[in-house]
C-alpha atoms as a PDB file:
ATOM      1  CA  MET A   1      58.720  -6.727  32.997  1.00  0.00           C
ATOM      2  CA  GLY A   2      56.600  -7.495  36.118  1.00  0.00           C
ATOM      3  CA  SER A   3      55.839 -11.063  37.415  1.00  0.00           C
ATOM      4  CA  GLU A   4      52.147 -10.288  36.718  1.00  0.00           C
ATOM      5  CA  VAL A   5      53.081  -9.687  32.931  1.00  0.00           C
ATOM      6  CA  VAL A   6      55.613 -13.010  33.011  1.00  0.00           C
ATOM      7  CA  ALA A   7      52.964 -14.938  34.522  1.00  0.00           C
ATOM      8  CA  LEU A   8      50.141 -13.926  31.764  1.00  0.00           C
ATOM      9  CA  TYR A   9      52.953 -14.444  28.922  1.00  0.00           C
ATOM     10  CA  GLU A  10      53.362 -18.046  29.987  1.00  0.00           C
ATOM     11  CA  SER A  11      49.834 -18.742  30.900  1.00  0.00           C
ATOM     12  CA  GLU A  12      48.485 -21.764  28.448  1.00  0.00           C
ATOM     13  CA  ALA A  13      45.416 -19.516  27.590  1.00  0.00           C
ATOM     14  CA  PHE A  14      47.908 -17.151  26.257  1.00  0.00           C
ATOM     15  CA  CYS A  15      50.118 -18.820  24.909  1.00  0.00           C
ATOM     16  CA  ARG A  16      47.648 -20.764  22.940  1.00  0.00           C
ATOM     17  CA  ALA A  17      46.023 -17.763  21.453  1.00  0.00           C
ATOM     18  CA  LEU A  18      49.584 -16.048  20.588  1.00  0.00           C
ATOM     19  CA  ASN A  19      50.247 -19.503  18.832  1.00  0.00           C
ATOM     20  CA  GLU A  20      46.853 -19.301  17.094  1.00  0.00           C
ATOM     21  CA  THR A  21      47.636 -15.767  16.150  1.00  0.00           C
ATOM     22  CA  ILE A  22      50.753 -16.094  14.680  1.00  0.00           C
ATOM     23  CA  VAL A  23      49.582 -18.906  12.744  1.00  0.00           C
ATOM     24  CA  TRP A  24      46.312 -16.765  11.662  1.00  0.00           C
ATOM     25  CA  CYS A  25      49.171 -14.533  10.452  1.00  0.00           C
ATOM     26  CA  SER A  26      50.971 -16.339   7.997  1.00  0.00           C
ATOM     27  CA  ARG A  27      48.470 -17.487   6.066  1.00  0.00           C
ATOM     28  CA  HIS A  28      48.100 -14.036   5.005  1.00  0.00           C
ATOM     29  CA  ALA A  29      50.176 -12.437   1.842  1.00  0.00           C
ATOM     30  CA  LEU A  30      51.696  -9.344   4.068  1.00  0.00           C
ATOM     31  CA  THR A  31      53.494  -6.739   2.631  1.00  0.00           C
ATOM     32  CA  GLY A  32      55.207  -3.643   4.918  1.00  0.00           C
ATOM     33  CA  LYS A  33      56.131  -1.963   1.784  1.00  0.00           C
ATOM     34  CA  THR A  34      55.052   1.293   1.127  1.00  0.00           C
ATOM     35  CA  GLU A  35      55.465   4.273  -1.067  1.00  0.00           C
ATOM     36  CA  ASP A  36      58.663   7.038   0.264  1.00  0.00           C
ATOM     37  CA  HIS A  37      56.580   9.657   2.341  1.00  0.00           C
ATOM     38  CA  ARG A  38      59.727  10.685   4.190  1.00  0.00           C
ATOM     39  CA  GLY A  39      58.815  14.279   4.496  1.00  0.00           C
ATOM     40  CA  ARG A  40      55.313  13.774   5.286  1.00  0.00           C
ATOM     41  CA  LEU A  41      56.479  11.446   8.120  1.00  0.00           C
ATOM     42  CA  ALA A  42      58.915  14.062   9.298  1.00  0.00           C
ATOM     43  CA  LEU A  43      55.817  16.385   9.679  1.00  0.00           C
ATOM     44  CA  LEU A  44      53.892  13.872  12.004  1.00  0.00           C
ATOM     45  CA  SER A  45      56.969  13.409  13.519  1.00  0.00           C
ATOM     46  CA  GLU A  46      56.961  17.058  14.170  1.00  0.00           C
ATOM     47  CA  ALA A  47      53.274  16.922  15.243  1.00  0.00           C
ATOM     48  CA  GLY A  48      53.792  14.360  17.192  1.00  0.00           C
ATOM     49  CA  ARG A  49      56.492  15.764  19.434  1.00  0.00           C
ATOM     50  CA  LEU A  50      54.097  19.182  19.648  1.00  0.00           C
ATOM     51  CA  ARG A  51      51.034  17.221  20.849  1.00  0.00           C
ATOM     52  CA  SER A  52      53.229  15.355  22.981  1.00  0.00           C
ATOM     53  CA  LEU A  53      54.263  18.850  24.756  1.00  0.00           C
ATOM     54  CA  ALA A  54      50.927  19.897  24.869  1.00  0.00           C
ATOM     55  CA  TYR A  55      49.602  16.864  26.472  1.00  0.00           C
ATOM     56  CA  ARG A  56      52.212  16.904  29.137  1.00  0.00           C
ATOM     57  CA  ALA A  57      51.248  20.743  29.799  1.00  0.00           C
ATOM     58  CA  GLU A  58      47.677  20.442  30.118  1.00  0.00           C
ATOM     59  CA  GLN A  59      48.347  18.487  33.105  1.00  0.00           C
ATOM     60  CA  TYR A  60      49.267  21.810  35.067  1.00  0.00           C
ATOM     61  CA  TRP A  61      47.121  24.772  36.058  1.00  0.00           C
ATOM     62  CA  PHE A  62      46.374  27.808  34.102  1.00  0.00           C
ATOM     63  CA  ALA A  63      49.677  28.844  32.506  1.00  0.00           C
ATOM     64  CA  GLY A  64      50.242  25.005  31.646  1.00  0.00           C
ATOM     65  CA  LYS A  65      46.467  25.054  29.779  1.00  0.00           C
ATOM     66  CA  ILE A  66      47.603  27.912  27.586  1.00  0.00           C
ATOM     67  CA  LEU A  67      51.234  26.702  26.897  1.00  0.00           C
ATOM     68  CA  ALA A  68      49.088  23.350  25.534  1.00  0.00           C
ATOM     69  CA  GLY A  69      47.278  25.548  23.800  1.00  0.00           C
ATOM     70  CA  ILE A  70      50.145  26.776  22.049  1.00  0.00           C
ATOM     71  CA  TYR A  71      51.645  23.633  21.503  1.00  0.00           C
ATOM     72  CA  SER A  72      48.264  22.425  19.835  1.00  0.00           C
ATOM     73  CA  PHE A  73      48.093  24.994  17.586  1.00  0.00           C
ATOM     74  CA  ARG A  74      51.361  24.682  16.292  1.00  0.00           C
ATOM     75  CA  ALA A  75      50.729  21.164  15.801  1.00  0.00           C
ATOM     76  CA  ASN A  76      47.550  21.987  13.968  1.00  0.00           C
ATOM     77  CA  ARG A  77      49.765  24.075  11.343  1.00  0.00           C
ATOM     78  CA  VAL A  78      52.173  21.153  10.878  1.00  0.00           C
ATOM     79  CA  GLU A  79      49.649  18.886  10.690  1.00  0.00           C
ATOM     80  CA  ALA A  80      47.784  21.312   8.085  1.00  0.00           C
ATOM     81  CA  MET A  81      50.942  20.625   5.795  1.00  0.00           C
ATOM     82  CA  VAL A  82      50.212  17.445   5.636  1.00  0.00           C
ATOM     83  CA  ASP A  83      47.368  15.128   3.335  1.00  0.00           C
ATOM     84  CA  LEU A  84      46.229  13.423   6.378  1.00  0.00           C
ATOM     85  CA  ASN A  85      43.178  12.118   4.092  1.00  0.00           C
ATOM     86  CA  LEU A  86      46.071  10.365   1.685  1.00  0.00           C
ATOM     87  CA  VAL A  87      44.988   7.177   0.655  1.00  0.00           C
ATOM     88  CA  ARG A  88      46.505   4.493   3.144  1.00  0.00           C
ATOM     89  CA  GLY A  89      47.275   1.447   0.631  1.00  0.00           C
ATOM     90  CA  LEU A  90      47.634  -1.292   3.717  1.00  0.00           C
ATOM     91  CA  GLU A  91      44.781  -0.839   5.517  1.00  0.00           C
ATOM     92  CA  ALA A  92      43.024  -3.617   4.665  1.00  0.00           C
ATOM     93  CA  GLN A  93      46.196  -6.248   5.985  1.00  0.00           C
ATOM     94  CA  LEU A  94      45.131  -8.355   8.915  1.00  0.00           C
ATOM     95  CA  ARG A  95      41.630  -6.647   8.775  1.00  0.00           C
ATOM     96  CA  SER A  96      39.592 -10.200   7.969  1.00  0.00           C
ATOM     97  CA  SER A  97      35.876  -9.784   7.544  1.00  0.00           C
ATOM     98  CA  ASP A  98      35.537 -12.844   9.103  1.00  0.00           C
ATOM     99  CA  LEU A  99      36.815 -12.103  12.318  1.00  0.00           C
ATOM    100  CA  GLN A 100      35.737  -8.074  11.994  1.00  0.00           C
ATOM    101  CA  PRO A 101      34.832  -6.869  15.528  1.00  0.00           C
ATOM    102  CA  SER A 102      32.923  -4.057  17.257  1.00  0.00           C
ATOM    103  CA  SER A 103      34.939  -1.419  17.820  1.00  0.00           C
ATOM    104  CA  LEU A 104      36.898  -0.827  20.680  1.00  0.00           C
ATOM    105  CA  ALA A 105      36.699   2.744  20.829  1.00  0.00           C
ATOM    106  CA  GLU A 106      32.724   2.816  20.966  1.00  0.00           C
ATOM    107  CA  THR A 107      32.849   1.394  24.394  1.00  0.00           C
ATOM    108  CA  HIS A 108      34.747   2.793  27.577  1.00  0.00           C
ATOM    109  CA  LYS A 109      34.042  -0.447  29.775  1.00  0.00           C
ATOM    110  CA  LYS A 110      36.703  -2.881  30.187  1.00  0.00           C
ATOM    111  CA  GLU A 111      34.717  -6.029  30.466  1.00  0.00           C
ATOM    112  CA  GLU A 112      32.606  -4.808  27.124  1.00  0.00           C
ATOM    113  CA  ARG A 113      36.415  -4.342  25.709  1.00  0.00           C
ATOM    114  CA  ARG A 114      37.838  -8.000  27.021  1.00  0.00           C
ATOM    115  CA  GLU A 115      34.564  -9.640  25.527  1.00  0.00           C
ATOM    116  CA  ILE A 116      35.273  -7.819  22.272  1.00  0.00           C
ATOM    117  CA  VAL A 117      38.877  -8.851  21.828  1.00  0.00           C
ATOM    118  CA  ARG A 118      37.784 -12.894  23.751  1.00  0.00           C
ATOM    119  CA  ARG A 119      34.892 -12.797  20.328  1.00  0.00           C
ATOM    120  CA  VAL A 120      37.531 -12.243  18.290  1.00  0.00           C
ATOM    121  CA  VAL A 121      40.182 -14.814  19.564  1.00  0.00           C
ATOM    122  CA  GLU A 122      37.299 -17.672  20.231  1.00  0.00           C
ATOM    123  CA  LYS A 123      35.835 -16.681  16.234  1.00  0.00           C
ATOM    124  CA  ARG A 124      39.395 -17.200  14.915  1.00  0.00           C
ATOM    125  CA  ARG A 125      39.612 -20.598  16.600  1.00  0.00           C
ATOM    126  CA  ALA A 126      37.042 -21.938  15.290  1.00  0.00           C
ATOM    127  CA  LEU A 127      38.213 -20.894  11.730  1.00  0.00           C
ATOM    128  CA  SER A 128      41.780 -22.075  12.251  1.00  0.00           C
ATOM    129  CA  GLN A 129      40.143 -25.582  13.461  1.00  0.00           C
ATOM    130  CA  SER A 130      37.836 -26.111  10.389  1.00  0.00           C
ATOM    131  CA  ASP A 131      40.662 -24.988   8.153  1.00  0.00           C
ATOM    132  CA  ARG A 132      42.901 -28.101   9.397  1.00  0.00           C
ATOM    133  CA  ARG A 133      45.895 -26.804   7.874  1.00  0.00           C
ATOM    134  CA  GLU A 134      49.228 -27.076   9.884  1.00  0.00           C
ATOM    135  CA  SER A 135      51.780 -24.645   9.981  1.00  0.00           C
ATOM    136  CA  GLN A 136      54.785 -23.508  12.137  1.00  0.00           C
ATOM    137  CA  VAL A 137      56.015 -20.112  12.563  1.00  0.00           C
ATOM    138  CA  PRO A 138      58.661 -18.769  14.887  1.00  0.00           C
ATOM    139  CA  ARG A 139      57.796 -16.862  17.797  1.00  0.00           C
ATOM    140  CA  ASN A 140      60.242 -14.910  17.614  1.00  0.00           C
ATOM    141  CA  ASP A 141      59.342 -13.719  14.239  1.00  0.00           C
ATOM    142  CA  GLY A 142      57.677 -10.892  15.393  1.00  0.00           C
ATOM    143  CA  ARG A 143      57.011  -8.769  18.655  1.00  0.00           C
ATOM    144  CA  LEU A 144      54.291  -7.904  21.089  1.00  0.00           C
ATOM    145  CA  LEU A 145      52.123  -4.562  20.752  1.00  0.00           C
ATOM    146  CA  LEU A 146      50.490  -3.135  23.856  1.00  0.00           C
ATOM    147  CA  TYR A 147      47.507  -0.761  23.247  1.00  0.00           C
ATOM    148  CA  PHE A 148      45.741   1.448  25.953  1.00  0.00           C
ATOM    149  CA  PRO A 149      42.213   2.364  24.979  1.00  0.00           C
ATOM    150  CA  VAL A 150      41.932   4.946  28.035  1.00  0.00           C
ATOM    151  CA  GLU A 151      45.243   6.949  26.915  1.00  0.00           C
ATOM    152  CA  ASN A 152      43.866   7.196  23.424  1.00  0.00           C
ATOM    153  CA  LEU A 153      43.874  10.975  21.783  1.00  0.00           C
ATOM    154  CA  ALA A 154      42.710   9.563  18.347  1.00  0.00           C
ATOM    155  CA  ASP A 155      44.449  12.528  16.210  1.00  0.00           C
ATOM    156  CA  GLY A 156      45.030  10.029  12.860  1.00  0.00           C
ATOM    157  CA  ALA A 157      48.784  10.576  13.308  1.00  0.00           C
ATOM    158  CA  ALA A 158      49.600   7.017  13.878  1.00  0.00           C
ATOM    159  CA  GLN A 159      47.423   6.047  11.092  1.00  0.00           C
ATOM    160  CA  VAL A 160      48.713   8.148   8.541  1.00  0.00           C
ATOM    161  CA  ALA A 161      52.291   7.261   9.535  1.00  0.00           C
ATOM    162  CA  SER A 162      52.015   3.469   9.329  1.00  0.00           C
ATOM    163  CA  ASN A 163      50.394   3.705   6.263  1.00  0.00           C
ATOM    164  CA  GLY A 164      46.850   2.050   8.046  1.00  0.00           C
ATOM    165  CA  PHE A 165      48.706  -0.408  10.202  1.00  0.00           C
ATOM    166  CA  PHE A 166      46.779   1.334  12.921  1.00  0.00           C
ATOM    167  CA  ASP A 167      43.164   2.630  12.474  1.00  0.00           C
ATOM    168  CA  VAL A 168      42.398   6.419  13.312  1.00  0.00           C
ATOM    169  CA  ASP A 169      41.774   5.561  17.147  1.00  0.00           C
ATOM    170  CA  ASN A 170      45.148   3.781  17.066  1.00  0.00           C
ATOM    171  CA  ILE A 171      44.138   0.305  17.496  1.00  0.00           C
ATOM    172  CA  PRO A 172      45.853  -2.555  15.571  1.00  0.00           C
ATOM    173  CA  PRO A 173      44.317  -4.676  13.007  1.00  0.00           C
ATOM    174  CA  TRP A 174      41.851  -7.471  14.945  1.00  0.00           C
ATOM    175  CA  ASP A 175      43.581 -10.309  13.217  1.00  0.00           C
ATOM    176  CA  THR A 176      46.220  -9.785  15.607  1.00  0.00           C
ATOM    177  CA  TRP A 177      44.620  -9.169  18.396  1.00  0.00           C
ATOM    178  CA  VAL A 178      45.904 -11.939  21.361  1.00  0.00           C
ATOM    179  CA  HIS A 179      44.354 -10.641  24.569  1.00  0.00           C
ATOM    180  CA  TYR A 180      42.812  -8.107  26.627  1.00  0.00           C
ATOM    181  CA  SER A 181      43.457  -7.491  30.443  1.00  0.00           C
ATOM    182  CA  ASP A 182      44.442  -4.544  32.972  1.00  0.00           C
ATOM    183  CA  ARG A 183      42.641  -2.134  30.384  1.00  0.00           C
ATOM    184  CA  THR A 184      45.727  -3.306  27.938  1.00  0.00           C
ATOM    185  CA  LEU A 185      45.112  -4.607  23.990  1.00  0.00           C
ATOM    186  CA  VAL A 186      48.127  -7.148  23.520  1.00  0.00           C
ATOM    187  CA  SER A 187      48.793  -7.980  19.748  1.00  0.00           C
ATOM    188  CA  TRP A 188      51.263  -9.783  17.876  1.00  0.00           C
ATOM    189  CA  VAL A 189      52.867  -8.159  15.007  1.00  0.00           C
ATOM    190  CA  PRO A 190      54.990  -9.900  12.253  1.00  0.00           C
ATOM    191  CA  GLN A 191      58.182  -9.146  11.298  1.00  0.00           C
ATOM    192  CA  ILE A 192      57.462  -7.735   8.302  1.00  0.00           C
ATOM    193  CA  LEU A 193      55.277  -4.725   9.857  1.00  0.00           C
ATOM    194  CA  ILE A 194      57.375  -4.239  12.840  1.00  0.00           C
ATOM    195  CA  PRO A 195      57.998  -0.802  10.541  1.00  0.00           C
ATOM    196  CA  LEU A 196      54.986   0.422   9.828  1.00  0.00           C
ATOM    197  CA  ALA A 197      54.038  -0.023  13.447  1.00  0.00           C
ATOM    198  CA  GLN A 198      57.011   1.581  14.746  1.00  0.00           C
ATOM    199  CA  ALA A 199      56.524   4.328  12.436  1.00  0.00           C
ATOM    200  CA  GLY A 200      53.101   4.713  13.998  1.00  0.00           C
ATOM    201  CA  ILE A 201      54.526   4.447  17.109  1.00  0.00           C
ATOM    202  CA  ASP A 202      57.147   7.314  16.684  1.00  0.00           C
ATOM    203  CA  VAL A 203      54.610   9.923  16.298  1.00  0.00           C
ATOM    204  CA  ASN A 204      51.804   8.848  19.130  1.00  0.00           C
ATOM    205  CA  PRO A 205      52.548  11.779  21.185  1.00  0.00           C
ATOM    206  CA  GLU A 206      50.179  10.289  24.345  1.00  0.00           C
ATOM    207  CA  GLU A 207      51.970   6.966  24.055  1.00  0.00           C
ATOM    208  CA  CYS A 208      48.993   4.579  23.853  1.00  0.00           C
ATOM    209  CA  ILE A 209      50.907   2.512  21.567  1.00  0.00           C
ATOM    210  CA  ARG A 210      54.304   0.658  22.825  1.00  0.00           C
ATOM    211  CA  TRP A 211      56.082  -2.535  22.554  1.00  0.00           C
ATOM    212  CA  SER A 212      55.998  -5.248  25.291  1.00  0.00           C
ATOM    213  CA  ASP A 213      59.814  -5.135  25.635  1.00  0.00           C
END
């Protein structure tokens, strides 16, 4: 972890936002239990692998683009075996209507993304103060997640694999947002939801979502 990242994570503003996020999430009934879709996840994992190969092949010239097209075609064939519109029963978790923001995917300006996240943090703080309930939740009872909007391909695989923890643009639920800077969204994933997040990360070919540690 670089010195700039360490400085951010130890800053007073970040620690305050993180603690408020942890407390907010702890007040919601969460479940990481889903139906057993191992076969579906295996197909999505293979499709993700093929899309990753296609993504890397596109970085090269003509021959690479032809190869990328072949990989993409194969990925599409694999995904066609999966119902990508399958009901994702946990997609409402940690997407409180009181905090619902504008979509990060609708803007390409980092200043606007920073402002969207800032408003969520400030609104959550105001609602938490009005609630006036005290809660202590261990900081290590979860993990920090990073999301890089500029790297997003929005193929929907992570959304299906995580049963809706990520949306179609690979964005984690807004209740978990902590901070945005350097084109990176930092979120907090409660322990119980880590397997769902991991399932989404595993099928994300462009690696726009990853753990901070």
